[in-house]
Every structure is written in C-alpha cells, then in structure tokens.
C-alpha cells in the first residue's frame, strides 16, 4: 500500500532539499571550499642556480622548486669547455608549449637568442651565453603549478629541458 504524504510534509521536504542544495552551492557546511589566499606583504626572496653538464646537452638539474608568491633570482651557468662553441640559454615557458617555443625560436634566429620576439608563451629567459659565462635574472614566480624550462638553441630543447615547480 502506498504511503500518502500531506502537502505540508512535501513542502517541508522540498524546503529541506532546496536549503541543502543552496548551502552546498554557496560552499557552506563541512570543509571550506575557498582557495588559499596569496600571502600579503613582501615576497619571499628565493635564489636558484642551474648550469649545463659540461659539454653535454643537459642541464645539471631536471627540476627546480620555489614557493608561490616569491621573487626568484636565477643564475644560469654555461659549464661547457671554452673551445666547444656550445651556446645555451634558460627559457621558462607556459605548460605544454616548450616544443612550439623551441620551433618558433629557430625561425627567430640568433639575433633574438632563438626566442620569438613578444612570444607570450615565454614567461622569462636568460640571454644566450657562451661557454664559461653566466647570466642572472630576477622575476616574480608564476602562479602555483609546473612549468617547463628549455634551451632554445636549435636542436637543444630535445634534451635540455626540466621543470620549475611553484608550490
């Protein structure tokens, strides 16, 4: 036998369901759904160093880390032998764009350090440096996430790559 409910009971149930749905949609109840706020005040200063592995087409680090909302000073050193003629740079790019940035860099040529001028996929980069040289850049950390870094000298990006992880 079917149980009949009164109109009053039906309206109460509907109000309860609607209220719960509204509360959930607004992020109420249970754990907070808010995203963590970036800390206010001065940015944390972070120093990072990376170099090449001698005459090999590799960086000496496959991964770098920095906290979100930090000011990063990165020093890149080309450790290749003086007579090797190996030129390198360090280019931080938006996720998933490293191959396209490297390919467009070839067309941009040596005069542009093999980086397409105005390329919005490039977050920051060092200059192209000769063996024994170094370059230091300072920049604000991008939002939390994982970013690729590459060398855009023609052919180098295949092996010279790594990840900058912002936490």
C-alpha atoms as a PDB file:
ATOM      1  CA  UNK A   1       0.000   0.000   0.000  1.00  0.00           C
ATOM      2  CA  UNK A   2       1.371   3.390  -0.955  1.00  0.00           C
ATOM      3  CA  UNK A   3       2.043   5.913   1.771  1.00  0.00           C
ATOM      4  CA  UNK A   4       0.473   9.276   1.123  1.00  0.00           C
ATOM      5  CA  UNK A   5       2.189  12.367   2.479  1.00  0.00           C
ATOM      6  CA  UNK A   6       0.471  15.594   3.230  1.00  0.00           C
ATOM      7  CA  UNK A   7       1.085  18.759   1.285  1.00  0.00           C
ATOM      8  CA  UNK A   8       2.742  20.258   4.379  1.00  0.00           C
ATOM      9  CA  UNK A   9       5.207  17.325   4.624  1.00  0.00           C
ATOM     10  CA  UNK A  10       6.005  17.602   0.898  1.00  0.00           C
ATOM     11  CA  UNK A  11       6.727  21.339   1.225  1.00  0.00           C
ATOM     12  CA  UNK A  12       8.949  20.713   4.280  1.00  0.00           C
ATOM     13  CA  UNK A  13      10.932  18.059   2.359  1.00  0.00           C
ATOM     14  CA  UNK A  14      11.262  20.357  -0.650  1.00  0.00           C
ATOM     15  CA  UNK A  15      12.444  23.224   1.574  1.00  0.00           C
ATOM     16  CA  UNK A  16      14.990  20.951   3.246  1.00  0.00           C
ATOM     17  CA  UNK A  17      16.355  19.693  -0.089  1.00  0.00           C
ATOM     18  CA  UNK A  18      16.445  23.230  -1.552  1.00  0.00           C
ATOM     19  CA  UNK A  19      18.205  24.580   1.536  1.00  0.00           C
ATOM     20  CA  UNK A  20      20.816  21.823   1.433  1.00  0.00           C
ATOM     21  CA  UNK A  21      21.411  22.420  -2.278  1.00  0.00           C
ATOM     22  CA  UNK A  22      21.754  26.175  -1.705  1.00  0.00           C
ATOM     23  CA  UNK A  23      24.140  25.631   1.190  1.00  0.00           C
ATOM     24  CA  UNK A  24      26.285  23.264  -0.891  1.00  0.00           C
ATOM     25  CA  UNK A  25      26.305  25.671  -3.862  1.00  0.00           C
ATOM     26  CA  UNK A  26      27.440  28.515  -1.627  1.00  0.00           C
ATOM     27  CA  UNK A  27      30.228  26.414  -0.162  1.00  0.00           C
ATOM     28  CA  UNK A  28      28.650  26.193   3.267  1.00  0.00           C
ATOM     29  CA  UNK A  29      28.788  23.280   5.620  1.00  0.00           C
ATOM     30  CA  UNK A  30      31.631  20.854   6.061  1.00  0.00           C
ATOM     31  CA  UNK A  31      35.080  21.926   4.855  1.00  0.00           C
ATOM     32  CA  UNK A  32      35.739  25.342   3.384  1.00  0.00           C
ATOM     33  CA  UNK A  33      35.754  25.472  -0.404  1.00  0.00           C
ATOM     34  CA  UNK A  34      37.757  28.702  -0.565  1.00  0.00           C
ATOM     35  CA  UNK A  35      41.085  28.773  -2.340  1.00  0.00           C
ATOM     36  CA  UNK A  36      44.098  29.701  -0.216  1.00  0.00           C
ATOM     37  CA  UNK A  37      44.958  33.377  -0.390  1.00  0.00           C
ATOM     38  CA  UNK A  38      48.379  34.543  -1.557  1.00  0.00           C
ATOM     39  CA  UNK A  39      50.228  35.837   1.498  1.00  0.00           C
ATOM     40  CA  UNK A  40      50.177  39.601   1.782  1.00  0.00           C
ATOM     41  CA  UNK A  41      53.306  41.625   2.354  1.00  0.00           C
ATOM     42  CA  UNK A  42      56.776  41.335   0.891  1.00  0.00           C
ATOM     43  CA  UNK A  43      57.578  38.452  -1.404  1.00  0.00           C
ATOM     44  CA  UNK A  44      59.898  35.720  -0.186  1.00  0.00           C
ATOM     45  CA  UNK A  45      63.304  36.030  -1.893  1.00  0.00           C
ATOM     46  CA  UNK A  46      64.469  32.756  -3.489  1.00  0.00           C
ATOM     47  CA  UNK A  47      67.839  32.104  -5.146  1.00  0.00           C
ATOM     48  CA  UNK A  48      68.146  29.263  -7.660  1.00  0.00           C
ATOM     49  CA  UNK A  49      71.206  28.073  -9.576  1.00  0.00           C
ATOM     50  CA  UNK A  50      71.351  25.880 -12.629  1.00  0.00           C
ATOM     51  CA  UNK A  51      74.153  25.037 -15.045  1.00  0.00           C
ATOM     52  CA  UNK A  52      74.919  22.852 -18.009  1.00  0.00           C
ATOM     53  CA  UNK A  53      76.573  19.445 -17.595  1.00  0.00           C
ATOM     54  CA  UNK A  54      79.886  20.349 -19.225  1.00  0.00           C
ATOM     55  CA  UNK A  55      79.780  19.685 -22.969  1.00  0.00           C
ATOM     56  CA  UNK A  56      76.657  17.523 -22.712  1.00  0.00           C
ATOM     57  CA  UNK A  57      73.320  18.873 -23.884  1.00  0.00           C
ATOM     58  CA  UNK A  58      71.770  18.644 -20.436  1.00  0.00           C
ATOM     59  CA  UNK A  59      71.057  20.945 -17.523  1.00  0.00           C
ATOM     60  CA  UNK A  60      72.585  19.827 -14.233  1.00  0.00           C
ATOM     61  CA  UNK A  61      69.110  19.886 -12.646  1.00  0.00           C
ATOM     62  CA  UNK A  62      65.921  18.389 -14.079  1.00  0.00           C
ATOM     63  CA  UNK A  63      63.777  20.129 -11.500  1.00  0.00           C
ATOM     64  CA  UNK A  64      63.749  23.418  -9.608  1.00  0.00           C
ATOM     65  CA  UNK A  65      61.293  24.426  -6.879  1.00  0.00           C
ATOM     66  CA  UNK A  66      60.115  27.713  -5.442  1.00  0.00           C
ATOM     67  CA  UNK A  67      57.191  28.817  -3.282  1.00  0.00           C
ATOM     68  CA  UNK A  68      54.241  30.700  -4.719  1.00  0.00           C
ATOM     69  CA  UNK A  69      54.342  34.466  -4.278  1.00  0.00           C
ATOM     70  CA  UNK A  70      58.134  34.523  -4.264  1.00  0.00           C
ATOM     71  CA  UNK A  71      60.682  36.700  -6.031  1.00  0.00           C
ATOM     72  CA  UNK A  72      63.106  34.353  -7.795  1.00  0.00           C
ATOM     73  CA  UNK A  73      66.702  35.177  -8.671  1.00  0.00           C
ATOM     74  CA  UNK A  74      68.030  32.525 -11.030  1.00  0.00           C
ATOM     75  CA  UNK A  75      71.666  32.210 -12.066  1.00  0.00           C
ATOM     76  CA  UNK A  76      72.400  30.100 -15.134  1.00  0.00           C
ATOM     77  CA  UNK A  77      75.979  29.000 -15.903  1.00  0.00           C
ATOM     78  CA  UNK A  78      77.275  27.536 -19.162  1.00  0.00           C
ATOM     79  CA  UNK A  79      79.866  24.988 -17.995  1.00  0.00           C
ATOM     80  CA  UNK A  80      80.916  23.850 -21.498  1.00  0.00           C
ATOM     81  CA  UNK A  81      84.589  23.922 -22.448  1.00  0.00           C
ATOM     82  CA  UNK A  82      85.755  27.244 -23.864  1.00  0.00           C
ATOM     83  CA  UNK A  83      86.615  25.719 -27.247  1.00  0.00           C
ATOM     84  CA  UNK A  84      83.326  23.772 -27.554  1.00  0.00           C
ATOM     85  CA  UNK A  85      81.386  26.671 -29.050  1.00  0.00           C
ATOM     86  CA  UNK A  86      78.232  25.500 -27.219  1.00  0.00           C
ATOM     87  CA  UNK A  87      75.783  28.343 -26.663  1.00  0.00           C
ATOM     88  CA  UNK A  88      72.904  27.919 -24.222  1.00  0.00           C
ATOM     89  CA  UNK A  89      70.049  29.784 -22.556  1.00  0.00           C
ATOM     90  CA  UNK A  90      67.385  29.033 -19.949  1.00  0.00           C
ATOM     91  CA  UNK A  91      63.815  29.740 -21.047  1.00  0.00           C
ATOM     92  CA  UNK A  92      60.783  29.311 -18.767  1.00  0.00           C
ATOM     93  CA  UNK A  93      57.611  28.625 -20.749  1.00  0.00           C
ATOM     94  CA  UNK A  94      53.929  28.084 -20.112  1.00  0.00           C
ATOM     95  CA  UNK A  95      52.924  24.426 -19.641  1.00  0.00           C
ATOM     96  CA  UNK A  96      52.711  22.380 -22.815  1.00  0.00           C
ATOM     97  CA  UNK A  97      54.370  24.969 -25.064  1.00  0.00           C
ATOM     98  CA  UNK A  98      58.061  24.025 -24.967  1.00  0.00           C
ATOM     99  CA  UNK A  99      58.232  22.348 -28.391  1.00  0.00           C
ATOM    100  CA  UNK A 100      56.355  25.175 -30.136  1.00  0.00           C
ATOM    101  CA  UNK A 101      58.527  27.824 -28.411  1.00  0.00           C
ATOM    102  CA  UNK A 102      61.700  25.969 -29.461  1.00  0.00           C
ATOM    103  CA  UNK A 103      60.483  25.620 -33.070  1.00  0.00           C
ATOM    104  CA  UNK A 104      59.479  29.278 -33.319  1.00  0.00           C
ATOM    105  CA  UNK A 105      62.825  30.205 -31.752  1.00  0.00           C
ATOM    106  CA  UNK A 106      64.709  28.639 -34.654  1.00  0.00           C
ATOM    107  CA  UNK A 107      62.900  30.964 -37.068  1.00  0.00           C
ATOM    108  CA  UNK A 108      63.577  33.942 -34.746  1.00  0.00           C
ATOM    109  CA  UNK A 109      67.300  33.366 -35.207  1.00  0.00           C
ATOM    110  CA  UNK A 110      70.500  34.112 -33.338  1.00  0.00           C
ATOM    111  CA  UNK A 111      69.876  37.880 -33.256  1.00  0.00           C
ATOM    112  CA  UNK A 112      66.880  37.160 -30.972  1.00  0.00           C
ATOM    113  CA  UNK A 113      68.652  34.497 -28.861  1.00  0.00           C
ATOM    114  CA  UNK A 114      66.431  31.950 -30.643  1.00  0.00           C
ATOM    115  CA  UNK A 115      63.304  33.293 -28.931  1.00  0.00           C
ATOM    116  CA  UNK A 116      60.416  34.661 -30.985  1.00  0.00           C
ATOM    117  CA  UNK A 117      60.056  38.367 -30.058  1.00  0.00           C
ATOM    118  CA  UNK A 118      56.948  39.055 -27.975  1.00  0.00           C
ATOM    119  CA  UNK A 119      56.168  35.349 -27.514  1.00  0.00           C
ATOM    120  CA  UNK A 120      53.547  35.271 -24.736  1.00  0.00           C
ATOM    121  CA  UNK A 121      54.302  31.585 -24.101  1.00  0.00           C
ATOM    122  CA  UNK A 122      57.702  32.632 -22.733  1.00  0.00           C
ATOM    123  CA  UNK A 123      57.475  33.679 -19.088  1.00  0.00           C
ATOM    124  CA  UNK A 124      61.120  34.720 -18.624  1.00  0.00           C
ATOM    125  CA  UNK A 125      64.525  33.836 -20.076  1.00  0.00           C
ATOM    126  CA  UNK A 126      68.237  34.404 -19.777  1.00  0.00           C
ATOM    127  CA  UNK A 127      70.306  35.634 -22.656  1.00  0.00           C
ATOM    128  CA  UNK A 128      72.167  33.160 -24.851  1.00  0.00           C
ATOM    129  CA  UNK A 129      75.539  32.639 -23.166  1.00  0.00           C
ATOM    130  CA  UNK A 130      78.907  31.344 -24.310  1.00  0.00           C
ATOM    131  CA  UNK A 131      80.955  28.674 -22.525  1.00  0.00           C
ATOM    132  CA  UNK A 132      82.219  29.902 -19.157  1.00  0.00           C
ATOM    133  CA  UNK A 133      79.643  32.692 -18.940  1.00  0.00           C
ATOM    134  CA  UNK A 134      76.658  33.082 -16.640  1.00  0.00           C
ATOM    135  CA  UNK A 135      73.519  35.189 -16.611  1.00  0.00           C
ATOM    136  CA  UNK A 136      71.288  36.116 -13.676  1.00  0.00           C
ATOM    137  CA  UNK A 137      67.624  37.047 -13.962  1.00  0.00           C
ATOM    138  CA  UNK A 138      65.082  38.058 -11.322  1.00  0.00           C
ATOM    139  CA  UNK A 139      61.338  37.538 -11.720  1.00  0.00           C
ATOM    140  CA  UNK A 140      58.116  37.006  -9.788  1.00  0.00           C
ATOM    141  CA  UNK A 141      57.106  33.364  -9.503  1.00  0.00           C
ATOM    142  CA  UNK A 142      54.207  32.481 -11.776  1.00  0.00           C
ATOM    143  CA  UNK A 143      51.051  31.029 -10.150  1.00  0.00           C
ATOM    144  CA  UNK A 144      51.329  27.634  -8.463  1.00  0.00           C
ATOM    145  CA  UNK A 145      51.867  24.864 -10.994  1.00  0.00           C
ATOM    146  CA  UNK A 146      54.512  23.078 -13.028  1.00  0.00           C
ATOM    147  CA  UNK A 147      56.321  24.947 -15.795  1.00  0.00           C
ATOM    148  CA  UNK A 148      58.803  23.740 -18.393  1.00  0.00           C
ATOM    149  CA  UNK A 149      62.240  25.212 -18.962  1.00  0.00           C
ATOM    150  CA  UNK A 150      64.274  24.607 -22.103  1.00  0.00           C
ATOM    151  CA  UNK A 151      67.284  25.771 -24.073  1.00  0.00           C
ATOM    152  CA  UNK A 152      66.096  27.267 -27.373  1.00  0.00           C
ATOM    153  CA  UNK A 153      69.391  26.962 -29.285  1.00  0.00           C
ATOM    154  CA  UNK A 154      68.429  24.925 -32.399  1.00  0.00           C
ATOM    155  CA  UNK A 155      68.176  21.235 -31.523  1.00  0.00           C
ATOM    156  CA  UNK A 156      68.998  21.629 -27.822  1.00  0.00           C
ATOM    157  CA  UNK A 157      65.412  21.626 -26.485  1.00  0.00           C
ATOM    158  CA  UNK A 158      65.110  17.923 -27.269  1.00  0.00           C
ATOM    159  CA  UNK A 159      67.464  17.124 -24.372  1.00  0.00           C
ATOM    160  CA  UNK A 160      67.866  20.379 -22.445  1.00  0.00           C
ATOM    161  CA  UNK A 161      64.640  20.595 -20.503  1.00  0.00           C
ATOM    162  CA  UNK A 162      63.319  20.452 -16.985  1.00  0.00           C
ATOM    163  CA  UNK A 163      60.510  21.544 -14.672  1.00  0.00           C
ATOM    164  CA  UNK A 164      60.085  24.545 -12.384  1.00  0.00           C
ATOM    165  CA  UNK A 165      57.555  23.637  -9.714  1.00  0.00           C
ATOM    166  CA  UNK A 166      55.842  26.516  -7.945  1.00  0.00           C
ATOM    167  CA  UNK A 167      54.169  25.365  -4.709  1.00  0.00           C
END
